[in-house]
Amino acid sequence: SKLEAAGAQYFSIGDLKVVTGDLDITV
């Protein structure tokens, strides 16, 4: 199963802010 999210927003613990980027995971 492959999930992709182009231009997703997520909270970065390292930056302590919401960032935008492409996410993907393959299970």
mmCIF file of all heavy atoms, coordinates in Angstrom:
data_MODEL
# 
_entry.id   MODEL 
# 
loop_
_atom_site.group_PDB 
_atom_site.id 
_atom_site.type_symbol 
_atom_site.label_atom_id 
_atom_site.label_alt_id 
_atom_site.label_comp_id 
_atom_site.label_asym_id 
_atom_site.label_entity_id 
_atom_site.label_seq_id 
_atom_site.pdbx_PDB_ins_code 
_atom_site.Cartn_x 
_atom_site.Cartn_y 
_atom_site.Cartn_z 
_atom_site.occupancy 
_atom_site.B_iso_or_equiv 
_atom_site.pdbx_formal_charge 
_atom_site.auth_seq_id 
_atom_site.auth_comp_id 
_atom_site.auth_asym_id 
_atom_site.auth_atom_id 
_atom_site.pdbx_PDB_model_num 
ATOM 1   N N   . SER A 1 1  ? 0.857  -1.184 0.000  1.00 0.00 ? 1  SER A N   1 
ATOM 2   C CA  . SER A 1 1  ? 0.000  0.000  0.000  1.00 0.00 ? 1  SER A CA  1 
ATOM 3   C C   . SER A 1 1  ? 0.891  1.232  0.000  1.00 0.00 ? 1  SER A C   1 
ATOM 4   O O   . SER A 1 1  ? 1.811  1.330  0.812  1.00 0.00 ? 1  SER A O   1 
ATOM 5   C CB  . SER A 1 1  ? -0.892 0.039  1.244  1.00 0.00 ? 1  SER A CB  1 
ATOM 6   O OG  . SER A 1 1  ? -1.728 -1.087 1.285  1.00 0.00 ? 1  SER A OG  1 
ATOM 7   N N   . LYS A 1 2  ? 0.624  2.157  -0.899 1.00 0.00 ? 2  LYS A N   1 
ATOM 8   C CA  . LYS A 1 2  ? 1.409  3.379  -0.977 1.00 0.00 ? 2  LYS A CA  1 
ATOM 9   C C   . LYS A 1 2  ? 0.465  4.561  -0.851 1.00 0.00 ? 2  LYS A C   1 
ATOM 10  O O   . LYS A 1 2  ? -0.512 4.656  -1.594 1.00 0.00 ? 2  LYS A O   1 
ATOM 11  C CB  . LYS A 1 2  ? 2.186  3.453  -2.282 1.00 0.00 ? 2  LYS A CB  1 
ATOM 12  C CG  . LYS A 1 2  ? 3.051  4.679  -2.350 1.00 0.00 ? 2  LYS A CG  1 
ATOM 13  C CD  . LYS A 1 2  ? 4.053  4.625  -3.473 1.00 0.00 ? 2  LYS A CD  1 
ATOM 14  C CE  . LYS A 1 2  ? 4.837  5.908  -3.444 1.00 0.00 ? 2  LYS A CE  1 
ATOM 15  N NZ  . LYS A 1 2  ? 6.231  5.761  -3.604 1.00 0.00 ? 2  LYS A NZ  1 
ATOM 16  N N   . LEU A 1 3  ? 0.762  5.431  0.086  1.00 0.00 ? 3  LEU A N   1 
ATOM 17  C CA  . LEU A 1 3  ? -0.032 6.634  0.298  1.00 0.00 ? 3  LEU A CA  1 
ATOM 18  C C   . LEU A 1 3  ? 0.845  7.846  0.017  1.00 0.00 ? 3  LEU A C   1 
ATOM 19  O O   . LEU A 1 3  ? 2.000  7.896  0.457  1.00 0.00 ? 3  LEU A O   1 
ATOM 20  C CB  . LEU A 1 3  ? -0.555 6.694  1.733  1.00 0.00 ? 3  LEU A CB  1 
ATOM 21  C CG  . LEU A 1 3  ? -1.415 5.516  2.174  1.00 0.00 ? 3  LEU A CG  1 
ATOM 22  C CD1 . LEU A 1 3  ? -1.724 5.615  3.652  1.00 0.00 ? 3  LEU A CD1 1 
ATOM 23  C CD2 . LEU A 1 3  ? -2.699 5.476  1.369  1.00 0.00 ? 3  LEU A CD2 1 
ATOM 24  N N   . GLU A 1 4  ? 0.297  8.821  -0.690 1.00 0.00 ? 4  GLU A N   1 
ATOM 25  C CA  . GLU A 1 4  ? 1.031  10.035 -1.025 1.00 0.00 ? 4  GLU A CA  1 
ATOM 26  C C   . GLU A 1 4  ? 0.163  11.245 -0.737 1.00 0.00 ? 4  GLU A C   1 
ATOM 27  O O   . GLU A 1 4  ? -1.056 11.208 -0.931 1.00 0.00 ? 4  GLU A O   1 
ATOM 28  C CB  . GLU A 1 4  ? 1.425  10.038 -2.494 1.00 0.00 ? 4  GLU A CB  1 
ATOM 29  C CG  . GLU A 1 4  ? 2.340  8.905  -2.894 1.00 0.00 ? 4  GLU A CG  1 
ATOM 30  C CD  . GLU A 1 4  ? 2.625  8.889  -4.387 1.00 0.00 ? 4  GLU A CD  1 
ATOM 31  O OE1 . GLU A 1 4  ? 1.853  9.500  -5.155 1.00 0.00 ? 4  GLU A OE1 1 
ATOM 32  O OE2 . GLU A 1 4  ? 3.620  8.265  -4.777 1.00 0.00 ? 4  GLU A OE2 1 
ATOM 33  N N   . ALA A 1 5  ? 0.802  12.323 -0.279 1.00 0.00 ? 5  ALA A N   1 
ATOM 34  C CA  . ALA A 1 5  ? 0.104  13.582 -0.046 1.00 0.00 ? 5  ALA A CA  1 
ATOM 35  C C   . ALA A 1 5  ? 1.019  14.716 -0.517 1.00 0.00 ? 5  ALA A C   1 
ATOM 36  O O   . ALA A 1 5  ? 1.978  15.073 0.160  1.00 0.00 ? 5  ALA A O   1 
ATOM 37  C CB  . ALA A 1 5  ? -0.255 13.751 1.421  1.00 0.00 ? 5  ALA A CB  1 
ATOM 38  N N   . ALA A 1 6  ? 0.737  15.244 -1.698 1.00 0.00 ? 6  ALA A N   1 
ATOM 39  C CA  . ALA A 1 6  ? 1.528  16.347 -2.235 1.00 0.00 ? 6  ALA A CA  1 
ATOM 40  C C   . ALA A 1 6  ? 1.075  17.659 -1.597 1.00 0.00 ? 6  ALA A C   1 
ATOM 41  O O   . ALA A 1 6  ? -0.121 17.921 -1.475 1.00 0.00 ? 6  ALA A O   1 
ATOM 42  C CB  . ALA A 1 6  ? 1.375  16.415 -3.751 1.00 0.00 ? 6  ALA A CB  1 
ATOM 43  N N   . GLY A 1 7  ? 2.013  18.462 -1.158 1.00 0.00 ? 7  GLY A N   1 
ATOM 44  C CA  . GLY A 1 7  ? 1.683  19.758 -0.572 1.00 0.00 ? 7  GLY A CA  1 
ATOM 45  C C   . GLY A 1 7  ? 0.964  19.659 0.761  1.00 0.00 ? 7  GLY A C   1 
ATOM 46  O O   . GLY A 1 7  ? 0.161  20.521 1.107  1.00 0.00 ? 7  GLY A O   1 
ATOM 47  N N   . ALA A 1 8  ? 1.253  18.619 1.517  1.00 0.00 ? 8  ALA A N   1 
ATOM 48  C CA  . ALA A 1 8  ? 0.581  18.418 2.808  1.00 0.00 ? 8  ALA A CA  1 
ATOM 49  C C   . ALA A 1 8  ? 1.140  19.371 3.865  1.00 0.00 ? 8  ALA A C   1 
ATOM 50  O O   . ALA A 1 8  ? 2.302  19.766 3.812  1.00 0.00 ? 8  ALA A O   1 
ATOM 51  C CB  . ALA A 1 8  ? 0.773  16.985 3.280  1.00 0.00 ? 8  ALA A CB  1 
ATOM 52  N N   . GLN A 1 9  ? 0.318  19.733 4.808  1.00 0.00 ? 9  GLN A N   1 
ATOM 53  C CA  . GLN A 1 9  ? 0.772  20.536 5.936  1.00 0.00 ? 9  GLN A CA  1 
ATOM 54  C C   . GLN A 1 9  ? 0.834  19.644 7.161  1.00 0.00 ? 9  GLN A C   1 
ATOM 55  O O   . GLN A 1 9  ? -0.084 18.866 7.422  1.00 0.00 ? 9  GLN A O   1 
ATOM 56  C CB  . GLN A 1 9  ? -0.182 21.702 6.205  1.00 0.00 ? 9  GLN A CB  1 
ATOM 57  C CG  . GLN A 1 9  ? -0.150 22.754 5.129  1.00 0.00 ? 9  GLN A CG  1 
ATOM 58  C CD  . GLN A 1 9  ? -1.003 23.939 5.506  1.00 0.00 ? 9  GLN A CD  1 
ATOM 59  O OE1 . GLN A 1 9  ? -2.096 23.777 6.048  1.00 0.00 ? 9  GLN A OE1 1 
ATOM 60  N NE2 . GLN A 1 9  ? -0.501 25.130 5.228  1.00 0.00 ? 9  GLN A NE2 1 
ATOM 61  N N   . TYR A 1 10 ? 1.917  19.765 7.914  1.00 0.00 ? 10 TYR A N   1 
ATOM 62  C CA  . TYR A 1 10 ? 2.076  18.988 9.137  1.00 0.00 ? 10 TYR A CA  1 
ATOM 63  C C   . TYR A 1 10 ? 2.892  19.792 10.131 1.00 0.00 ? 10 TYR A C   1 
ATOM 64  O O   . TYR A 1 10 ? 3.602  20.731 9.769  1.00 0.00 ? 10 TYR A O   1 
ATOM 65  C CB  . TYR A 1 10 ? 2.742  17.641 8.849  1.00 0.00 ? 10 TYR A CB  1 
ATOM 66  C CG  . TYR A 1 10 ? 4.124  17.745 8.242  1.00 0.00 ? 10 TYR A CG  1 
ATOM 67  C CD1 . TYR A 1 10 ? 5.252  17.685 9.050  1.00 0.00 ? 10 TYR A CD1 1 
ATOM 68  C CD2 . TYR A 1 10 ? 4.286  17.896 6.873  1.00 0.00 ? 10 TYR A CD2 1 
ATOM 69  C CE1 . TYR A 1 10 ? 6.519  17.790 8.503  1.00 0.00 ? 10 TYR A CE1 1 
ATOM 70  C CE2 . TYR A 1 10 ? 5.547  17.987 6.319  1.00 0.00 ? 10 TYR A CE2 1 
ATOM 71  C CZ  . TYR A 1 10 ? 6.657  17.940 7.141  1.00 0.00 ? 10 TYR A CZ  1 
ATOM 72  O OH  . TYR A 1 10 ? 7.910  18.042 6.600  1.00 0.00 ? 10 TYR A OH  1 
ATOM 73  N N   . PHE A 1 11 ? 2.780  19.419 11.411 1.00 0.00 ? 11 PHE A N   1 
ATOM 74  C CA  . PHE A 1 11 ? 3.512  20.120 12.459 1.00 0.00 ? 11 PHE A CA  1 
ATOM 75  C C   . PHE A 1 11 ? 4.885  19.492 12.624 1.00 0.00 ? 11 PHE A C   1 
ATOM 76  O O   . PHE A 1 11 ? 5.010  18.298 12.862 1.00 0.00 ? 11 PHE A O   1 
ATOM 77  C CB  . PHE A 1 11 ? 2.751  20.066 13.789 1.00 0.00 ? 11 PHE A CB  1 
ATOM 78  C CG  . PHE A 1 11 ? 3.426  20.856 14.873 1.00 0.00 ? 11 PHE A CG  1 
ATOM 79  C CD1 . PHE A 1 11 ? 3.336  22.241 14.885 1.00 0.00 ? 11 PHE A CD1 1 
ATOM 80  C CD2 . PHE A 1 11 ? 4.167  20.220 15.851 1.00 0.00 ? 11 PHE A CD2 1 
ATOM 81  C CE1 . PHE A 1 11 ? 3.964  22.977 15.874 1.00 0.00 ? 11 PHE A CE1 1 
ATOM 82  C CE2 . PHE A 1 11 ? 4.805  20.946 16.835 1.00 0.00 ? 11 PHE A CE2 1 
ATOM 83  C CZ  . PHE A 1 11 ? 4.695  22.331 16.851 1.00 0.00 ? 11 PHE A CZ  1 
ATOM 84  N N   . SER A 1 12 ? 5.915  20.304 12.473 1.00 0.00 ? 12 SER A N   1 
ATOM 85  C CA  . SER A 1 12 ? 7.289  19.849 12.635 1.00 0.00 ? 12 SER A CA  1 
ATOM 86  C C   . SER A 1 12 ? 7.716  20.059 14.078 1.00 0.00 ? 12 SER A C   1 
ATOM 87  O O   . SER A 1 12 ? 7.765  21.200 14.563 1.00 0.00 ? 12 SER A O   1 
ATOM 88  C CB  . SER A 1 12 ? 8.224  20.622 11.709 1.00 0.00 ? 12 SER A CB  1 
ATOM 89  O OG  . SER A 1 12 ? 9.569  20.366 12.042 1.00 0.00 ? 12 SER A OG  1 
ATOM 90  N N   . ILE A 1 13 ? 8.013  18.958 14.767 1.00 0.00 ? 13 ILE A N   1 
ATOM 91  C CA  . ILE A 1 13 ? 8.475  19.064 16.158 1.00 0.00 ? 13 ILE A CA  1 
ATOM 92  C C   . ILE A 1 13 ? 9.835  19.754 16.204 1.00 0.00 ? 13 ILE A C   1 
ATOM 93  O O   . ILE A 1 13 ? 10.117 20.538 17.100 1.00 0.00 ? 13 ILE A O   1 
ATOM 94  C CB  . ILE A 1 13 ? 8.538  17.670 16.814 1.00 0.00 ? 13 ILE A CB  1 
ATOM 95  C CG1 . ILE A 1 13 ? 7.136  17.088 16.904 1.00 0.00 ? 13 ILE A CG1 1 
ATOM 96  C CG2 . ILE A 1 13 ? 9.187  17.736 18.182 1.00 0.00 ? 13 ILE A CG2 1 
ATOM 97  C CD1 . ILE A 1 13 ? 7.081  15.664 17.394 1.00 0.00 ? 13 ILE A CD1 1 
ATOM 98  N N   . GLY A 1 14 ? 10.697 19.493 15.219 1.00 0.00 ? 14 GLY A N   1 
ATOM 99  C CA  . GLY A 1 14 ? 12.020 20.115 15.186 1.00 0.00 ? 14 GLY A CA  1 
ATOM 100 C C   . GLY A 1 14 ? 11.961 21.616 14.984 1.00 0.00 ? 14 GLY A C   1 
ATOM 101 O O   . GLY A 1 14 ? 12.731 22.372 15.585 1.00 0.00 ? 14 GLY A O   1 
ATOM 102 N N   . ASP A 1 15 ? 11.028 22.088 14.120 1.00 0.00 ? 15 ASP A N   1 
ATOM 103 C CA  . ASP A 1 15 ? 10.910 23.517 13.825 1.00 0.00 ? 15 ASP A CA  1 
ATOM 104 C C   . ASP A 1 15 ? 9.872  24.219 14.700 1.00 0.00 ? 15 ASP A C   1 
ATOM 105 O O   . ASP A 1 15 ? 9.799  25.448 14.705 1.00 0.00 ? 15 ASP A O   1 
ATOM 106 C CB  . ASP A 1 15 ? 10.538 23.729 12.360 1.00 0.00 ? 15 ASP A CB  1 
ATOM 107 C CG  . ASP A 1 15 ? 11.598 23.209 11.401 1.00 0.00 ? 15 ASP A CG  1 
ATOM 108 O OD1 . ASP A 1 15 ? 12.789 23.215 11.764 1.00 0.00 ? 15 ASP A OD1 1 
ATOM 109 O OD2 . ASP A 1 15 ? 11.224 22.788 10.287 1.00 0.00 ? 15 ASP A OD2 1 
ATOM 110 N N   . LEU A 1 16 ? 9.053  23.427 15.396 1.00 0.00 ? 16 LEU A N   1 
ATOM 111 C CA  . LEU A 1 16 ? 7.969  23.941 16.235 1.00 0.00 ? 16 LEU A CA  1 
ATOM 112 C C   . LEU A 1 16 ? 7.028  24.853 15.454 1.00 0.00 ? 16 LEU A C   1 
ATOM 113 O O   . LEU A 1 16 ? 6.608  25.910 15.926 1.00 0.00 ? 16 LEU A O   1 
ATOM 114 C CB  . LEU A 1 16 ? 8.518  24.659 17.474 1.00 0.00 ? 16 LEU A CB  1 
ATOM 115 C CG  . LEU A 1 16 ? 9.289  23.766 18.450 1.00 0.00 ? 16 LEU A CG  1 
ATOM 116 C CD1 . LEU A 1 16 ? 9.845  24.597 19.591 1.00 0.00 ? 16 LEU A CD1 1 
ATOM 117 C CD2 . LEU A 1 16 ? 8.408  22.645 18.981 1.00 0.00 ? 16 LEU A CD2 1 
ATOM 118 N N   . LYS A 1 17 ? 6.703  24.431 14.225 1.00 0.00 ? 17 LYS A N   1 
ATOM 119 C CA  . LYS A 1 17 ? 5.755  25.187 13.420 1.00 0.00 ? 17 LYS A CA  1 
ATOM 120 C C   . LYS A 1 17 ? 5.156  24.269 12.358 1.00 0.00 ? 17 LYS A C   1 
ATOM 121 O O   . LYS A 1 17 ? 5.647  23.166 12.117 1.00 0.00 ? 17 LYS A O   1 
ATOM 122 C CB  . LYS A 1 17 ? 6.426  26.390 12.765 1.00 0.00 ? 17 LYS A CB  1 
ATOM 123 C CG  . LYS A 1 17 ? 7.497  26.024 11.760 1.00 0.00 ? 17 LYS A CG  1 
ATOM 124 C CD  . LYS A 1 17 ? 8.110  27.270 11.129 1.00 0.00 ? 17 LYS A CD  1 
ATOM 125 C CE  . LYS A 1 17 ? 9.127  26.866 10.069 1.00 0.00 ? 17 LYS A CE  1 
ATOM 126 N NZ  . LYS A 1 17 ? 9.687  28.027 9.393  1.00 0.00 ? 17 LYS A NZ  1 
ATOM 127 N N   . VAL A 1 18 ? 4.102  24.749 11.734 1.00 0.00 ? 18 VAL A N   1 
ATOM 128 C CA  . VAL A 1 18 ? 3.463  24.016 10.644 1.00 0.00 ? 18 VAL A CA  1 
ATOM 129 C C   . VAL A 1 18 ? 4.292  24.248 9.381  1.00 0.00 ? 18 VAL A C   1 
ATOM 130 O O   . VAL A 1 18 ? 4.629  25.391 9.045  1.00 0.00 ? 18 VAL A O   1 
ATOM 131 C CB  . VAL A 1 18 ? 2.004  24.476 10.436 1.00 0.00 ? 18 VAL A CB  1 
ATOM 132 C CG1 . VAL A 1 18 ? 1.392  23.797 9.220  1.00 0.00 ? 18 VAL A CG1 1 
ATOM 133 C CG2 . VAL A 1 18 ? 1.178  24.195 11.678 1.00 0.00 ? 18 VAL A CG2 1 
ATOM 134 N N   . VAL A 1 19 ? 4.637  23.182 8.709  1.00 0.00 ? 19 VAL A N   1 
ATOM 135 C CA  . VAL A 1 19 ? 5.401  23.269 7.462  1.00 0.00 ? 19 VAL A CA  1 
ATOM 136 C C   . VAL A 1 19 ? 4.631  22.555 6.348  1.00 0.00 ? 19 VAL A C   1 
ATOM 137 O O   . VAL A 1 19 ? 3.733  21.758 6.614  1.00 0.00 ? 19 VAL A O   1 
ATOM 138 C CB  . VAL A 1 19 ? 6.818  22.659 7.610  1.00 0.00 ? 19 VAL A CB  1 
ATOM 139 C CG1 . VAL A 1 19 ? 7.650  23.467 8.577  1.00 0.00 ? 19 VAL A CG1 1 
ATOM 140 C CG2 . VAL A 1 19 ? 6.751  21.217 8.050  1.00 0.00 ? 19 VAL A CG2 1 
ATOM 141 N N   . THR A 1 20 ? 4.991  22.843 5.117  1.00 0.00 ? 20 THR A N   1 
ATOM 142 C CA  . THR A 1 20 ? 4.356  22.234 3.959  1.00 0.00 ? 20 THR A CA  1 
ATOM 143 C C   . THR A 1 20 ? 5.381  21.403 3.211  1.00 0.00 ? 20 THR A C   1 
ATOM 144 O O   . THR A 1 20 ? 6.520  21.831 3.032  1.00 0.00 ? 20 THR A O   1 
ATOM 145 C CB  . THR A 1 20 ? 3.785  23.318 3.020  1.00 0.00 ? 20 THR A CB  1 
ATOM 146 O OG1 . THR A 1 20 ? 2.842  24.103 3.740  1.00 0.00 ? 20 THR A OG1 1 
ATOM 147 C CG2 . THR A 1 20 ? 3.096  22.695 1.814  1.00 0.00 ? 20 THR A CG2 1 
ATOM 148 N N   . GLY A 1 21 ? 4.990  20.223 2.820  1.00 0.00 ? 21 GLY A N   1 
ATOM 149 C CA  . GLY A 1 21 ? 5.890  19.359 2.071  1.00 0.00 ? 21 GLY A CA  1 
ATOM 150 C C   . GLY A 1 21 ? 5.149  18.160 1.519  1.00 0.00 ? 21 GLY A C   1 
ATOM 151 O O   . GLY A 1 21 ? 3.978  17.944 1.810  1.00 0.00 ? 21 GLY A O   1 
ATOM 152 N N   . ASP A 1 22 ? 5.833  17.392 0.713  1.00 0.00 ? 22 ASP A N   1 
ATOM 153 C CA  . ASP A 1 22 ? 5.250  16.177 0.147  1.00 0.00 ? 22 ASP A CA  1 
ATOM 154 C C   . ASP A 1 22 ? 5.524  15.009 1.096  1.00 0.00 ? 22 ASP A C   1 
ATOM 155 O O   . ASP A 1 22 ? 6.646  14.848 1.584  1.00 0.00 ? 22 ASP A O   1 
ATOM 156 C CB  . ASP A 1 22 ? 5.856  15.875 -1.220 1.00 0.00 ? 22 ASP A CB  1 
ATOM 157 C CG  . ASP A 1 22 ? 5.525  16.950 -2.243 1.00 0.00 ? 22 ASP A CG  1 
ATOM 158 O OD1 . ASP A 1 22 ? 4.531  17.681 -2.032 1.00 0.00 ? 22 ASP A OD1 1 
ATOM 159 O OD2 . ASP A 1 22 ? 6.246  17.050 -3.248 1.00 0.00 ? 22 ASP A OD2 1 
ATOM 160 N N   . LEU A 1 23 ? 4.500  14.212 1.379  1.00 0.00 ? 23 LEU A N   1 
ATOM 161 C CA  . LEU A 1 23 ? 4.621  13.064 2.277  1.00 0.00 ? 23 LEU A CA  1 
ATOM 162 C C   . LEU A 1 23 ? 4.287  11.797 1.506  1.00 0.00 ? 23 LEU A C   1 
ATOM 163 O O   . LEU A 1 23 ? 3.406  11.796 0.645  1.00 0.00 ? 23 LEU A O   1 
ATOM 164 C CB  . LEU A 1 23 ? 3.657  13.187 3.460  1.00 0.00 ? 23 LEU A CB  1 
ATOM 165 C CG  . LEU A 1 23 ? 3.785  14.431 4.335  1.00 0.00 ? 23 LEU A CG  1 
ATOM 166 C CD1 . LEU A 1 23 ? 2.666  14.448 5.366  1.00 0.00 ? 23 LEU A CD1 1 
ATOM 167 C CD2 . LEU A 1 23 ? 5.142  14.474 4.997  1.00 0.00 ? 23 LEU A CD2 1 
ATOM 168 N N   . ASP A 1 24 ? 4.995  10.719 1.812  1.00 0.00 ? 24 ASP A N   1 
ATOM 169 C CA  . ASP A 1 24 ? 4.630  9.419  1.255  1.00 0.00 ? 24 ASP A CA  1 
ATOM 170 C C   . ASP A 1 24 ? 5.091  8.318  2.196  1.00 0.00 ? 24 ASP A C   1 
ATOM 171 O O   . ASP A 1 24 ? 6.033  8.489  2.956  1.00 0.00 ? 24 ASP A O   1 
ATOM 172 C CB  . ASP A 1 24 ? 5.209  9.211  -0.149 1.00 0.00 ? 24 ASP A CB  1 
ATOM 173 C CG  . ASP A 1 24 ? 6.720  9.128  -0.156 1.00 0.00 ? 24 ASP A CG  1 
ATOM 174 O OD1 . ASP A 1 24 ? 7.259  8.067  0.207  1.00 0.00 ? 24 ASP A OD1 1 
ATOM 175 O OD2 . ASP A 1 24 ? 7.362  10.125 -0.533 1.00 0.00 ? 24 ASP A OD2 1 
ATOM 176 N N   . ILE A 1 25 ? 4.362  7.227  2.167  1.00 0.00 ? 25 ILE A N   1 
ATOM 177 C CA  . ILE A 1 25 ? 4.705  6.054  2.961  1.00 0.00 ? 25 ILE A CA  1 
ATOM 178 C C   . ILE A 1 25 ? 4.297  4.815  2.158  1.00 0.00 ? 25 ILE A C   1 
ATOM 179 O O   . ILE A 1 25 ? 3.276  4.813  1.477  1.00 0.00 ? 25 ILE A O   1 
ATOM 180 C CB  . ILE A 1 25 ? 4.026  6.044  4.344  1.00 0.00 ? 25 ILE A CB  1 
ATOM 181 C CG1 . ILE A 1 25 ? 4.506  4.857  5.164  1.00 0.00 ? 25 ILE A CG1 1 
ATOM 182 C CG2 . ILE A 1 25 ? 2.520  6.065  4.219  1.00 0.00 ? 25 ILE A CG2 1 
ATOM 183 C CD1 . ILE A 1 25 ? 4.088  4.878  6.623  1.00 0.00 ? 25 ILE A CD1 1 
ATOM 184 N N   . THR A 1 26 ? 5.123  3.808  2.237  1.00 0.00 ? 26 THR A N   1 
ATOM 185 C CA  . THR A 1 26 ? 4.829  2.522  1.603  1.00 0.00 ? 26 THR A CA  1 
ATOM 186 C C   . THR A 1 26 ? 4.833  1.452  2.689  1.00 0.00 ? 26 THR A C   1 
ATOM 187 O O   . THR A 1 26 ? 5.789  1.352  3.449  1.00 0.00 ? 26 THR A O   1 
ATOM 188 C CB  . THR A 1 26 ? 5.879  2.185  0.530  1.00 0.00 ? 26 THR A CB  1 
ATOM 189 O OG1 . THR A 1 26 ? 5.883  3.230  -0.449 1.00 0.00 ? 26 THR A OG1 1 
ATOM 190 C CG2 . THR A 1 26 ? 5.560  0.868  -0.149 1.00 0.00 ? 26 THR A CG2 1 
ATOM 191 N N   . VAL A 1 27 ? 3.758  0.696  2.772  1.00 0.00 ? 27 VAL A N   1 
ATOM 192 C CA  . VAL A 1 27 ? 3.633  -0.371 3.761  1.00 0.00 ? 27 VAL A CA  1 
ATOM 193 C C   . VAL A 1 27 ? 3.495  -1.701 3.019  1.00 0.00 ? 27 VAL A C   1 
ATOM 194 O O   . VAL A 1 27 ? 2.640  -1.841 2.151  1.00 0.00 ? 27 VAL A O   1 
ATOM 195 C CB  . VAL A 1 27 ? 2.420  -0.148 4.684  1.00 0.00 ? 27 VAL A CB  1 
ATOM 196 C CG1 . VAL A 1 27 ? 2.265  -1.299 5.664  1.00 0.00 ? 27 VAL A CG1 1 
ATOM 197 C CG2 . VAL A 1 27 ? 2.545  1.167  5.424  1.00 0.00 ? 27 VAL A CG2 1 
# 
